[in-house]
Structures are given as C-alpha cells and as structure tokens.
Amino acid sequence: MSKAKANPITPYEFRYLKKGHDIDLNTFLTSQQNFLTIIHEINRTSFPEASVNVKITQPRPGSFIIEHLIDIVPIGVFVSENWDRISTLFTVLKDFIDIWKLLKGDKAEKVTYVDNSVNILVNGNNNTFHADAFKIYQSNTTVNKAIFKGTAILNGDKEIEGFEVKKQGAKKPLIQVKREELPAFQNPNKYLDKPERTKEIKEATLFVKKFDVAPKKSTKFTFYYDGRPISASIEDGHFLQRIMDGEKFGNGDSLVVDLEVSKKFDEGYDTYIVDKHTILNVKDIHRRGQNPDQTKLFE
C-alpha cells in the first residue's frame, strides 16, 4: 500500500427530467436530501473505513441538472486510490435501483451469492447484481425509506418526468428512472415487513430473587436470567398451586423452565425490544447448595 494521492473530485450529474429550468423547492430539497442519505448509507455499507463528501455546483441549463462532486475520503494514512471506490459506490446505487425495478418490493424466488455478486431468480430468469446492493435492498431500512420518500416527492410533482444520474461527459446515463417507474418504489418491501410482535420459547434457568407467597397468573416474579434481573409471570398452574400450598423458595434457588420471550418492534431504533417474559412450564427445581439430581420436581 502507498500513501494516498490527492484524487480529482469525481463529478456526477443528477438530472431532473422536466421542461423548463425551474423546479419546486420542496421537490428539490426533499429529493436531494434523500439521495444524499442513500449515498452515505451505501458508502457506509461498502466502505465503512471511509467517509464520503458530496458537494453541488450551480445548476446548468437543460432539463434541471445538479452537478454532484463526489469524493470518498479514507480514514487513515495508508489508503488505496479512491477511483474504484467511487465507481463501486455508483455501481451499488445503480444495482439497488435496478433491484427495486425488478422486484418492486417483492422477495426473490431464489438468491445465490458468488463472490461480490448476487444472482436473483425472478420468473425463471437470473439477474446479476452487486452483493451490497441486494444486502441494502433486503435489510437497510434507512436506504429503503429514503428511496420511498425521494421517489414519492418526485411522483407527486406533475412536472417531473423522471430522473437520471450519469458521470459527467458520459453519453448514456448510469441510472434512469422514468415517471411510470416511480410508483414501483412506493410498494412495501416484503423483506422489511416486520410483524409488530414476535415470540420465542426457549429452555432457560432462572435464579429466584423475589417470590410471592400468594401468587396469581398475573403476578410478576423477579428472577436473574443471563446475569440480569427480569420480571416474569407464571402460567404453570400446577407449580402455582405448589406455592399456594406452602412450598418455599429462597434466593439462589433456580427453576428450569420453558420461557416465552416476547419482543415488540421499535420503529425508532429499527429493532425488536424485549418487553415481556412468561414462564409456560416449570420443568425442574434446583435448590441452592444441593445436587440438581436430588431435586427433581416430578419424581
């Protein structure tokens, strides 16, 4: 590796396909902000070790053209040239948009990865894209929201006939989306269609912290699980009856149980948050200081 040389900033043109040289300010600002979000997220996925800078120059006549000056700035002293990075960034962007055109929010019939490429089977035909583009389509909520918002504002502006992105001086656009293609980006992405709640049942060992001597099914008990305190209700009626009949449990005793872990999707954090624990079945009791083989619950 050699010390990085200063590379000329690479100019790309973002062209709004429309008549005239003016554009609605909300259309311009919203679409550019979401385009910028997509550029940054693609760079973060493909080149996490580098940041990307995007500037614009004064608009030029002809439809409505915005010239973006793209520069990827590696973090660190010894880096490779950034020409390939910028080319890859726009390849991923193009393929991401083409995947949306192809799948329109649906899932692929079959997906096969080969090195840095992915083959997507649709209607019996194989389509090859950059692997990062499909990864982003499949799992990056930020980019998919940005393409939704960016194309929605363009679709709502009746003067817009589509948009193009091309490298300055190139004869053909790298990316072209016509007006009739814009609605496809408004479909929900089925890979990201997450249920509001999920449940998982697992065998778990819970250490007793606090027990209620007169419990109901709605009573919350406190345990230590995986080194942290949790509250859990118990639905095992037979076990609850044993407690009501006077069986005592102390700190350090443990229960082997079927534990239902309930999670709720938090859209703000784009992840599932555990919000409920339920003990479905108590399978065994281990008394503190005793051999577990001597404390079988149902012998």
C-alpha atoms as a PDB file:
ATOM      1  CA  MET A   1       0.000   0.000   0.000  1.00  0.00           C
ATOM      2  CA  SER A   2       1.259   3.508  -0.740  1.00  0.00           C
ATOM      3  CA  LYS A   3       0.417   6.847   0.672  1.00  0.00           C
ATOM      4  CA  ALA A   4      -2.768   8.214  -0.872  1.00  0.00           C
ATOM      5  CA  LYS A   5      -2.522  10.793  -3.615  1.00  0.00           C
ATOM      6  CA  ALA A   6      -4.993  13.625  -3.932  1.00  0.00           C
ATOM      7  CA  ASN A   7      -7.563  12.469  -6.482  1.00  0.00           C
ATOM      8  CA  PRO A   8      -9.636  14.912  -8.507  1.00  0.00           C
ATOM      9  CA  ILE A   9     -13.199  15.029  -7.233  1.00  0.00           C
ATOM     10  CA  THR A  10     -15.447  12.968  -9.499  1.00  0.00           C
ATOM     11  CA  PRO A  11     -18.412  14.898 -10.962  1.00  0.00           C
ATOM     12  CA  TYR A  12     -21.760  13.152 -11.479  1.00  0.00           C
ATOM     13  CA  GLU A  13     -24.887  14.793 -12.819  1.00  0.00           C
ATOM     14  CA  PHE A  14     -28.314  14.395 -11.224  1.00  0.00           C
ATOM     15  CA  ARG A  15     -30.794  15.397 -13.911  1.00  0.00           C
ATOM     16  CA  TYR A  16     -34.470  16.075 -13.212  1.00  0.00           C
ATOM     17  CA  LEU A  17     -36.305  15.199 -16.401  1.00  0.00           C
ATOM     18  CA  LYS A  18     -38.711  18.084 -16.950  1.00  0.00           C
ATOM     19  CA  LYS A  19     -39.423  21.016 -19.207  1.00  0.00           C
ATOM     20  CA  GLY A  20     -38.024  24.364 -18.192  1.00  0.00           C
ATOM     21  CA  HIS A  21     -35.209  25.400 -15.907  1.00  0.00           C
ATOM     22  CA  ASP A  22     -37.072  25.799 -12.619  1.00  0.00           C
ATOM     23  CA  ILE A  23     -38.218  23.251 -10.038  1.00  0.00           C
ATOM     24  CA  ASP A  24     -40.444  23.207  -6.964  1.00  0.00           C
ATOM     25  CA  LEU A  25     -38.246  23.922  -3.925  1.00  0.00           C
ATOM     26  CA  ASN A  26     -39.806  21.164  -1.786  1.00  0.00           C
ATOM     27  CA  THR A  27     -39.316  18.653  -4.607  1.00  0.00           C
ATOM     28  CA  PHE A  28     -35.690  19.706  -4.965  1.00  0.00           C
ATOM     29  CA  LEU A  29     -34.758  19.755  -1.278  1.00  0.00           C
ATOM     30  CA  THR A  30     -36.581  16.530  -0.338  1.00  0.00           C
ATOM     31  CA  SER A  31     -35.286  14.505  -3.278  1.00  0.00           C
ATOM     32  CA  GLN A  32     -31.694  15.740  -2.832  1.00  0.00           C
ATOM     33  CA  GLN A  33     -31.723  15.104   0.917  1.00  0.00           C
ATOM     34  CA  ASN A  34     -32.884  11.528   0.406  1.00  0.00           C
ATOM     35  CA  PHE A  35     -30.416  10.986  -2.441  1.00  0.00           C
ATOM     36  CA  LEU A  36     -27.662  12.157  -0.079  1.00  0.00           C
ATOM     37  CA  THR A  37     -28.883   9.734   2.600  1.00  0.00           C
ATOM     38  CA  ILE A  38     -28.689   6.864   0.120  1.00  0.00           C
ATOM     39  CA  ILE A  39     -25.142   7.827  -0.960  1.00  0.00           C
ATOM     40  CA  HIS A  40     -23.924   7.943   2.649  1.00  0.00           C
ATOM     41  CA  GLU A  41     -25.562   4.622   3.580  1.00  0.00           C
ATOM     42  CA  ILE A  42     -24.168   2.833   0.526  1.00  0.00           C
ATOM     43  CA  ASN A  43     -20.709   4.167   1.344  1.00  0.00           C
ATOM     44  CA  ARG A  44     -21.121   3.033   4.965  1.00  0.00           C
ATOM     45  CA  THR A  45     -22.035  -0.468   3.753  1.00  0.00           C
ATOM     46  CA  SER A  46     -19.372  -0.857   1.068  1.00  0.00           C
ATOM     47  CA  PHE A  47     -16.571   1.258   2.547  1.00  0.00           C
ATOM     48  CA  PRO A  48     -17.011   1.533   6.325  1.00  0.00           C
ATOM     49  CA  GLU A  49     -13.391   2.656   6.620  1.00  0.00           C
ATOM     50  CA  ALA A  50     -14.031   5.830   4.593  1.00  0.00           C
ATOM     51  CA  SER A  51     -16.341   8.834   4.587  1.00  0.00           C
ATOM     52  CA  VAL A  52     -17.963  10.378   1.522  1.00  0.00           C
ATOM     53  CA  ASN A  53     -18.217  14.093   0.738  1.00  0.00           C
ATOM     54  CA  VAL A  54     -20.846  15.407  -1.669  1.00  0.00           C
ATOM     55  CA  LYS A  55     -20.977  18.992  -2.959  1.00  0.00           C
ATOM     56  CA  ILE A  56     -23.076  20.578  -5.680  1.00  0.00           C
ATOM     57  CA  THR A  57     -22.263  23.253  -8.231  1.00  0.00           C
ATOM     58  CA  GLN A  58     -24.516  25.925  -9.664  1.00  0.00           C
ATOM     59  CA  PRO A  59     -27.339  24.390 -11.760  1.00  0.00           C
ATOM     60  CA  ARG A  60     -26.811  24.438 -15.525  1.00  0.00           C
ATOM     61  CA  PRO A  61     -29.462  24.794 -18.266  1.00  0.00           C
ATOM     62  CA  GLY A  62     -31.058  21.682 -19.752  1.00  0.00           C
ATOM     63  CA  SER A  63     -33.967  19.958 -18.000  1.00  0.00           C
ATOM     64  CA  PHE A  64     -32.783  20.666 -14.461  1.00  0.00           C
ATOM     65  CA  ILE A  65     -29.266  19.425 -13.796  1.00  0.00           C
ATOM     66  CA  ILE A  66     -27.471  19.330 -10.457  1.00  0.00           C
ATOM     67  CA  GLU A  67     -23.776  18.505 -10.620  1.00  0.00           C
ATOM     68  CA  HIS A  68     -22.606  16.459  -7.633  1.00  0.00           C
ATOM     69  CA  LEU A  69     -18.912  16.486  -6.775  1.00  0.00           C
ATOM     70  CA  ILE A  70     -18.217  13.131  -5.111  1.00  0.00           C
ATOM     71  CA  ASP A  71     -15.127  12.461  -3.043  1.00  0.00           C
ATOM     72  CA  ILE A  72     -14.519   9.435  -0.807  1.00  0.00           C
ATOM     73  CA  VAL A  73     -12.102  10.256   1.981  1.00  0.00           C
ATOM     74  CA  PRO A  74     -10.455   7.202   3.563  1.00  0.00           C
ATOM     75  CA  ILE A  75      -9.829   7.192   7.301  1.00  0.00           C
ATOM     76  CA  GLY A  76      -6.128   6.626   7.910  1.00  0.00           C
ATOM     77  CA  VAL A  77      -2.822   7.455   6.231  1.00  0.00           C
ATOM     78  CA  PHE A  78      -2.144   4.448   4.004  1.00  0.00           C
ATOM     79  CA  VAL A  79      -5.076   4.002   1.622  1.00  0.00           C
ATOM     80  CA  SER A  80      -5.816   2.947  -1.908  1.00  0.00           C
ATOM     81  CA  GLU A  81      -6.854   5.286  -4.688  1.00  0.00           C
ATOM     82  CA  ASN A  82     -10.494   6.321  -4.481  1.00  0.00           C
ATOM     83  CA  TRP A  83     -11.380   5.955  -8.171  1.00  0.00           C
ATOM     84  CA  ASP A  84     -12.532   2.369  -7.728  1.00  0.00           C
ATOM     85  CA  ARG A  85     -14.407   3.271  -4.550  1.00  0.00           C
ATOM     86  CA  ILE A  86     -16.497   5.922  -6.261  1.00  0.00           C
ATOM     87  CA  SER A  87     -17.152   3.651  -9.226  1.00  0.00           C
ATOM     88  CA  THR A  88     -18.243   0.872  -6.881  1.00  0.00           C
ATOM     89  CA  LEU A  89     -20.475   3.250  -4.921  1.00  0.00           C
ATOM     90  CA  PHE A  90     -22.398   4.190  -8.055  1.00  0.00           C
ATOM     91  CA  THR A  91     -22.494   0.567  -9.243  1.00  0.00           C
ATOM     92  CA  VAL A  92     -24.158  -0.374  -5.961  1.00  0.00           C
ATOM     93  CA  LEU A  93     -26.549   2.583  -6.283  1.00  0.00           C
ATOM     94  CA  LYS A  94     -27.476   1.602  -9.851  1.00  0.00           C
ATOM     95  CA  ASP A  95     -27.976  -2.047  -8.899  1.00  0.00           C
ATOM     96  CA  PHE A  96     -30.055  -1.116  -5.844  1.00  0.00           C
ATOM     97  CA  ILE A  97     -32.414   0.905  -8.048  1.00  0.00           C
ATOM     98  CA  ASP A  98     -32.478  -1.854 -10.685  1.00  0.00           C
ATOM     99  CA  ILE A  99     -33.324  -4.421  -7.998  1.00  0.00           C
ATOM    100  CA  TRP A 100     -36.252  -2.245  -6.948  1.00  0.00           C
ATOM    101  CA  LYS A 101     -37.390  -2.025 -10.576  1.00  0.00           C
ATOM    102  CA  LEU A 102     -37.127  -5.810 -10.865  1.00  0.00           C
ATOM    103  CA  LEU A 103     -38.682  -6.923  -7.584  1.00  0.00           C
ATOM    104  CA  LYS A 104     -40.948  -3.926  -6.890  1.00  0.00           C
ATOM    105  CA  GLY A 105     -40.817  -4.679  -3.178  1.00  0.00           C
ATOM    106  CA  ASP A 106     -41.305  -8.444  -3.526  1.00  0.00           C
ATOM    107  CA  LYS A 107     -38.935 -11.183  -2.433  1.00  0.00           C
ATOM    108  CA  ALA A 108     -36.777 -13.063  -4.933  1.00  0.00           C
ATOM    109  CA  GLU A 109     -37.617 -16.650  -5.855  1.00  0.00           C
ATOM    110  CA  LYS A 110     -34.021 -17.686  -5.221  1.00  0.00           C
ATOM    111  CA  VAL A 111     -30.837 -15.862  -4.252  1.00  0.00           C
ATOM    112  CA  THR A 112     -27.303 -17.163  -4.884  1.00  0.00           C
ATOM    113  CA  TYR A 113     -24.136 -15.341  -3.833  1.00  0.00           C
ATOM    114  CA  VAL A 114     -20.945 -15.652  -5.886  1.00  0.00           C
ATOM    115  CA  ASP A 115     -18.011 -13.632  -4.537  1.00  0.00           C
ATOM    116  CA  ASN A 116     -19.149  -9.970  -4.594  1.00  0.00           C
ATOM    117  CA  SER A 117     -22.136 -10.670  -6.826  1.00  0.00           C
ATOM    118  CA  VAL A 118     -25.620 -11.990  -6.215  1.00  0.00           C
ATOM    119  CA  ASN A 119     -27.832 -13.879  -8.664  1.00  0.00           C
ATOM    120  CA  ILE A 120     -31.542 -13.176  -8.195  1.00  0.00           C
ATOM    121  CA  LEU A 121     -34.045 -15.534  -9.790  1.00  0.00           C
ATOM    122  CA  VAL A 122     -37.311 -13.915 -10.924  1.00  0.00           C
ATOM    123  CA  ASN A 123     -39.811 -15.581 -13.258  1.00  0.00           C
ATOM    124  CA  GLY A 124     -37.197 -18.199 -14.133  1.00  0.00           C
ATOM    125  CA  ASN A 125     -34.608 -15.611 -15.176  1.00  0.00           C
ATOM    126  CA  ASN A 126     -31.296 -14.981 -13.400  1.00  0.00           C
ATOM    127  CA  ASN A 127     -30.312 -11.362 -12.794  1.00  0.00           C
ATOM    128  CA  THR A 128     -26.845 -10.473 -11.503  1.00  0.00           C
ATOM    129  CA  PHE A 129     -26.145  -7.510  -9.221  1.00  0.00           C
ATOM    130  CA  HIS A 130     -23.536  -6.318  -6.762  1.00  0.00           C
ATOM    131  CA  ALA A 131     -23.994  -8.207  -3.492  1.00  0.00           C
ATOM    132  CA  ASP A 132     -24.050  -4.987  -1.448  1.00  0.00           C
ATOM    133  CA  ALA A 133     -26.985  -3.679  -3.492  1.00  0.00           C
ATOM    134  CA  PHE A 134     -29.146  -6.671  -2.570  1.00  0.00           C
ATOM    135  CA  LYS A 135     -27.959  -6.554   1.034  1.00  0.00           C
ATOM    136  CA  ILE A 136     -29.173  -2.959   1.214  1.00  0.00           C
ATOM    137  CA  TYR A 137     -32.480  -3.783  -0.519  1.00  0.00           C
ATOM    138  CA  GLN A 138     -33.014  -6.693   1.845  1.00  0.00           C
ATOM    139  CA  SER A 139     -32.079  -5.178   5.190  1.00  0.00           C
ATOM    140  CA  ASN A 140     -31.259  -1.446   5.187  1.00  0.00           C
ATOM    141  CA  THR A 141     -34.340   0.380   6.445  1.00  0.00           C
ATOM    142  CA  THR A 142     -32.713   3.814   6.132  1.00  0.00           C
ATOM    143  CA  VAL A 143     -31.984   3.482   2.400  1.00  0.00           C
ATOM    144  CA  ASN A 144     -35.359   1.943   1.619  1.00  0.00           C
ATOM    145  CA  LYS A 145     -37.146   4.759   3.457  1.00  0.00           C
ATOM    146  CA  ALA A 146     -35.026   7.296   1.583  1.00  0.00           C
ATOM    147  CA  ILE A 147     -35.828   5.825  -1.848  1.00  0.00           C
ATOM    148  CA  PHE A 148     -39.515   5.758  -0.864  1.00  0.00           C
ATOM    149  CA  LYS A 149     -39.524   9.416   0.218  1.00  0.00           C
ATOM    150  CA  GLY A 150     -37.334  10.626  -2.645  1.00  0.00           C
ATOM    151  CA  THR A 151     -39.409   8.986  -5.377  1.00  0.00           C
ATOM    152  CA  ALA A 152     -42.692   9.878  -3.651  1.00  0.00           C
ATOM    153  CA  ILE A 153     -41.933  13.599  -3.831  1.00  0.00           C
ATOM    154  CA  LEU A 154     -40.919  13.258  -7.488  1.00  0.00           C
ATOM    155  CA  ASN A 155     -44.037  11.252  -8.311  1.00  0.00           C
ATOM    156  CA  GLY A 156     -46.188  13.893  -6.646  1.00  0.00           C
ATOM    157  CA  ASP A 157     -44.731  16.679  -8.785  1.00  0.00           C
ATOM    158  CA  LYS A 158     -46.598  16.513 -12.083  1.00  0.00           C
ATOM    159  CA  GLU A 159     -43.866  18.459 -13.887  1.00  0.00           C
ATOM    160  CA  ILE A 160     -41.267  15.751 -13.186  1.00  0.00           C
ATOM    161  CA  GLU A 161     -40.927  13.122 -15.904  1.00  0.00           C
ATOM    162  CA  GLY A 162     -38.239  11.117 -14.104  1.00  0.00           C
ATOM    163  CA  PHE A 163     -34.577  11.494 -13.204  1.00  0.00           C
ATOM    164  CA  GLU A 164     -31.139  10.398 -14.404  1.00  0.00           C
ATOM    165  CA  VAL A 165     -27.697  10.083 -12.881  1.00  0.00           C
ATOM    166  CA  LYS A 166     -24.635   9.994 -15.111  1.00  0.00           C
ATOM    167  CA  LYS A 167     -20.944  10.623 -14.940  1.00  0.00           C
ATOM    168  CA  GLN A 168     -20.063  13.985 -16.411  1.00  0.00           C
ATOM    169  CA  GLY A 169     -19.128  13.627 -20.065  1.00  0.00           C
ATOM    170  CA  ALA A 170     -20.729  10.187 -20.473  1.00  0.00           C
ATOM    171  CA  LYS A 171     -23.135   9.748 -23.382  1.00  0.00           C
ATOM    172  CA  LYS A 172     -25.552   7.435 -21.554  1.00  0.00           C
ATOM    173  CA  PRO A 173     -26.937   7.777 -18.036  1.00  0.00           C
ATOM    174  CA  LEU A 174     -25.758   5.332 -15.418  1.00  0.00           C
ATOM    175  CA  ILE A 175     -29.190   5.399 -13.780  1.00  0.00           C
ATOM    176  CA  GLN A 176     -32.518   6.307 -15.341  1.00  0.00           C
ATOM    177  CA  VAL A 177     -35.933   6.180 -13.724  1.00  0.00           C
ATOM    178  CA  LYS A 178     -38.887   7.228 -15.848  1.00  0.00           C
ATOM    179  CA  ARG A 179     -42.077   8.676 -14.433  1.00  0.00           C
ATOM    180  CA  GLU A 180     -44.055   5.489 -14.987  1.00  0.00           C
ATOM    181  CA  GLU A 181     -41.462   3.588 -12.927  1.00  0.00           C
ATOM    182  CA  LEU A 182     -41.680   5.862  -9.870  1.00  0.00           C
ATOM    183  CA  PRO A 183     -44.797   4.220  -8.308  1.00  0.00           C
ATOM    184  CA  ALA A 184     -42.963   0.880  -8.001  1.00  0.00           C
ATOM    185  CA  PHE A 185     -40.737   2.406  -5.317  1.00  0.00           C
ATOM    186  CA  GLN A 186     -43.831   3.149  -3.212  1.00  0.00           C
ATOM    187  CA  ASN A 187     -44.574  -0.545  -2.657  1.00  0.00           C
ATOM    188  CA  PRO A 188     -43.786  -2.010   0.770  1.00  0.00           C
ATOM    189  CA  ASN A 189     -40.565  -4.011   0.858  1.00  0.00           C
ATOM    190  CA  LYS A 190     -41.560  -7.527   1.935  1.00  0.00           C
ATOM    191  CA  TYR A 191     -38.081  -8.219   3.299  1.00  0.00           C
ATOM    192  CA  LEU A 192     -38.611  -5.351   5.742  1.00  0.00           C
ATOM    193  CA  ASP A 193     -42.261  -6.108   6.502  1.00  0.00           C
ATOM    194  CA  LYS A 194     -41.759  -6.921  10.165  1.00  0.00           C
ATOM    195  CA  PRO A 195     -44.563  -8.072  12.475  1.00  0.00           C
ATOM    196  CA  GLU A 196     -45.318  -5.805  15.428  1.00  0.00           C
ATOM    197  CA  ARG A 197     -44.548  -8.591  17.903  1.00  0.00           C
ATOM    198  CA  THR A 198     -42.505 -11.787  17.935  1.00  0.00           C
ATOM    199  CA  LYS A 199     -42.388 -14.630  20.465  1.00  0.00           C
ATOM    200  CA  GLU A 200     -39.676 -17.177  21.143  1.00  0.00           C
ATOM    201  CA  ILE A 201     -39.850 -20.135  23.530  1.00  0.00           C
ATOM    202  CA  LYS A 202     -36.592 -21.428  24.982  1.00  0.00           C
ATOM    203  CA  GLU A 203     -35.456 -23.584  27.871  1.00  0.00           C
ATOM    204  CA  ALA A 204     -33.926 -21.322  30.499  1.00  0.00           C
ATOM    205  CA  THR A 205     -32.547 -21.456  34.023  1.00  0.00           C
ATOM    206  CA  LEU A 206     -33.923 -18.665  36.228  1.00  0.00           C
ATOM    207  CA  PHE A 207     -32.480 -17.850  39.635  1.00  0.00           C
ATOM    208  CA  VAL A 208     -35.007 -16.825  42.263  1.00  0.00           C
ATOM    209  CA  LYS A 209     -34.770 -13.229  43.505  1.00  0.00           C
ATOM    210  CA  LYS A 210     -38.239 -12.470  44.852  1.00  0.00           C
ATOM    211  CA  PHE A 211     -41.255 -14.747  45.219  1.00  0.00           C
ATOM    212  CA  ASP A 212     -44.894 -14.006  46.043  1.00  0.00           C
ATOM    213  CA  VAL A 213     -46.345 -16.426  48.577  1.00  0.00           C
ATOM    214  CA  ALA A 214     -49.932 -15.964  47.286  1.00  0.00           C
ATOM    215  CA  PRO A 215     -49.492 -15.678  43.531  1.00  0.00           C
ATOM    216  CA  LYS A 216     -51.960 -15.378  40.693  1.00  0.00           C
ATOM    217  CA  LYS A 217     -51.312 -15.908  36.989  1.00  0.00           C
ATOM    218  CA  SER A 218     -50.932 -12.142  36.650  1.00  0.00           C
ATOM    219  CA  THR A 219     -48.344 -11.960  39.448  1.00  0.00           C
ATOM    220  CA  LYS A 220     -44.872 -10.893  38.379  1.00  0.00           C
ATOM    221  CA  PHE A 221     -41.939 -12.769  39.903  1.00  0.00           C
ATOM    222  CA  THR A 222     -38.381 -11.461  39.886  1.00  0.00           C
ATOM    223  CA  PHE A 223     -35.519 -13.665  38.676  1.00  0.00           C
ATOM    224  CA  TYR A 224     -31.965 -13.382  37.445  1.00  0.00           C
ATOM    225  CA  TYR A 225     -31.598 -14.582  33.856  1.00  0.00           C
ATOM    226  CA  ASP A 226     -28.308 -14.458  31.964  1.00  0.00           C
ATOM    227  CA  GLY A 227     -26.855 -12.246  34.695  1.00  0.00           C
ATOM    228  CA  ARG A 228     -29.606  -9.621  34.698  1.00  0.00           C
ATOM    229  CA  PRO A 229     -32.896  -9.206  36.603  1.00  0.00           C
ATOM    230  CA  ILE A 230     -36.166  -9.869  34.798  1.00  0.00           C
ATOM    231  CA  SER A 231     -39.830  -9.930  35.774  1.00  0.00           C
ATOM    232  CA  ALA A 232     -41.896 -12.875  34.609  1.00  0.00           C
ATOM    233  CA  SER A 233     -45.425 -14.172  35.093  1.00  0.00           C
ATOM    234  CA  ILE A 234     -46.006 -17.901  35.580  1.00  0.00           C
ATOM    235  CA  GLU A 235     -48.735 -19.744  33.679  1.00  0.00           C
ATOM    236  CA  ASP A 236     -47.910 -23.195  35.026  1.00  0.00           C
ATOM    237  CA  GLY A 237     -50.999 -23.790  37.193  1.00  0.00           C
ATOM    238  CA  HIS A 238     -49.578 -26.911  38.873  1.00  0.00           C
ATOM    239  CA  PHE A 239     -46.466 -25.006  40.001  1.00  0.00           C
ATOM    240  CA  LEU A 240     -48.521 -22.029  41.240  1.00  0.00           C
ATOM    241  CA  GLN A 241     -50.636 -24.399  43.321  1.00  0.00           C
ATOM    242  CA  ARG A 242     -47.495 -25.808  44.966  1.00  0.00           C
ATOM    243  CA  ILE A 243     -46.532 -22.300  46.030  1.00  0.00           C
ATOM    244  CA  MET A 244     -50.017 -21.612  47.389  1.00  0.00           C
ATOM    245  CA  ASP A 245     -49.805 -24.909  49.296  1.00  0.00           C
ATOM    246  CA  GLY A 246     -46.811 -23.522  51.154  1.00  0.00           C
ATOM    247  CA  GLU A 247     -43.734 -24.568  49.200  1.00  0.00           C
ATOM    248  CA  LYS A 248     -40.993 -22.013  49.798  1.00  0.00           C
ATOM    249  CA  PHE A 249     -38.237 -20.719  47.532  1.00  0.00           C
ATOM    250  CA  GLY A 250     -35.237 -18.657  48.545  1.00  0.00           C
ATOM    251  CA  ASN A 251     -32.576 -16.537  46.935  1.00  0.00           C
ATOM    252  CA  GLY A 252     -30.259 -18.700  44.857  1.00  0.00           C
ATOM    253  CA  ASP A 253     -32.789 -21.437  44.165  1.00  0.00           C
ATOM    254  CA  SER A 254     -33.272 -21.893  40.441  1.00  0.00           C
ATOM    255  CA  LEU A 255     -36.003 -23.085  38.107  1.00  0.00           C
ATOM    256  CA  VAL A 256     -35.522 -24.824  34.780  1.00  0.00           C
ATOM    257  CA  VAL A 257     -38.418 -23.574  32.670  1.00  0.00           C
ATOM    258  CA  ASP A 258     -39.895 -23.140  29.233  1.00  0.00           C
ATOM    259  CA  LEU A 259     -39.596 -19.355  28.928  1.00  0.00           C
ATOM    260  CA  GLU A 260     -41.556 -17.350  26.388  1.00  0.00           C
ATOM    261  CA  VAL A 261     -39.727 -14.158  25.420  1.00  0.00           C
ATOM    262  CA  SER A 262     -41.967 -11.548  23.785  1.00  0.00           C
ATOM    263  CA  LYS A 263     -40.499  -8.709  21.730  1.00  0.00           C
ATOM    264  CA  LYS A 264     -42.083  -5.570  20.291  1.00  0.00           C
ATOM    265  CA  PHE A 265     -40.711  -3.836  17.196  1.00  0.00           C
ATOM    266  CA  ASP A 266     -39.451  -0.322  17.883  1.00  0.00           C
ATOM    267  CA  GLU A 267     -39.506   1.621  14.614  1.00  0.00           C
ATOM    268  CA  GLY A 268     -37.399   4.436  16.060  1.00  0.00           C
ATOM    269  CA  TYR A 269     -34.493   2.078  16.729  1.00  0.00           C
ATOM    270  CA  ASP A 270     -35.326  -0.364  13.888  1.00  0.00           C
ATOM    271  CA  THR A 271     -35.063  -3.362  16.191  1.00  0.00           C
ATOM    272  CA  TYR A 272     -37.094  -5.622  18.449  1.00  0.00           C
ATOM    273  CA  ILE A 273     -37.155  -4.801  22.166  1.00  0.00           C
ATOM    274  CA  VAL A 274     -37.862  -7.492  24.782  1.00  0.00           C
ATOM    275  CA  ASP A 275     -40.840  -6.316  26.837  1.00  0.00           C
ATOM    276  CA  LYS A 276     -42.343  -9.469  28.391  1.00  0.00           C
ATOM    277  CA  HIS A 277     -41.246 -12.798  29.900  1.00  0.00           C
ATOM    278  CA  THR A 278     -43.709 -15.624  30.590  1.00  0.00           C
ATOM    279  CA  ILE A 279     -42.937 -18.966  32.250  1.00  0.00           C
ATOM    280  CA  LEU A 280     -45.082 -21.531  30.455  1.00  0.00           C
ATOM    281  CA  ASN A 281     -43.864 -24.637  32.239  1.00  0.00           C
ATOM    282  CA  VAL A 282     -41.636 -25.322  35.253  1.00  0.00           C
ATOM    283  CA  LYS A 283     -39.613 -28.414  34.382  1.00  0.00           C
ATOM    284  CA  ASP A 284     -37.263 -28.708  37.351  1.00  0.00           C
ATOM    285  CA  ILE A 285     -36.169 -27.064  40.603  1.00  0.00           C
ATOM    286  CA  HIS A 286     -32.578 -26.739  41.794  1.00  0.00           C
ATOM    287  CA  ARG A 287     -32.207 -25.852  45.451  1.00  0.00           C
ATOM    288  CA  ARG A 288     -29.228 -23.715  46.358  1.00  0.00           C
ATOM    289  CA  GLY A 289     -26.334 -25.845  47.595  1.00  0.00           C
ATOM    290  CA  GLN A 290     -27.938 -29.142  46.577  1.00  0.00           C
ATOM    291  CA  ASN A 291     -27.055 -31.538  43.788  1.00  0.00           C
ATOM    292  CA  PRO A 292     -29.548 -30.918  40.947  1.00  0.00           C
ATOM    293  CA  ASP A 293     -30.053 -34.696  40.618  1.00  0.00           C
ATOM    294  CA  GLN A 294     -31.534 -34.730  44.138  1.00  0.00           C
ATOM    295  CA  THR A 295     -34.175 -32.079  43.448  1.00  0.00           C
ATOM    296  CA  LYS A 296     -36.172 -33.365  40.507  1.00  0.00           C
ATOM    297  CA  LEU A 297     -39.587 -31.703  40.503  1.00  0.00           C
ATOM    298  CA  PHE A 298     -41.685 -34.551  39.187  1.00  0.00           C
ATOM    299  CA  GLU A 299     -40.071 -37.707  40.586  1.00  0.00           C
END
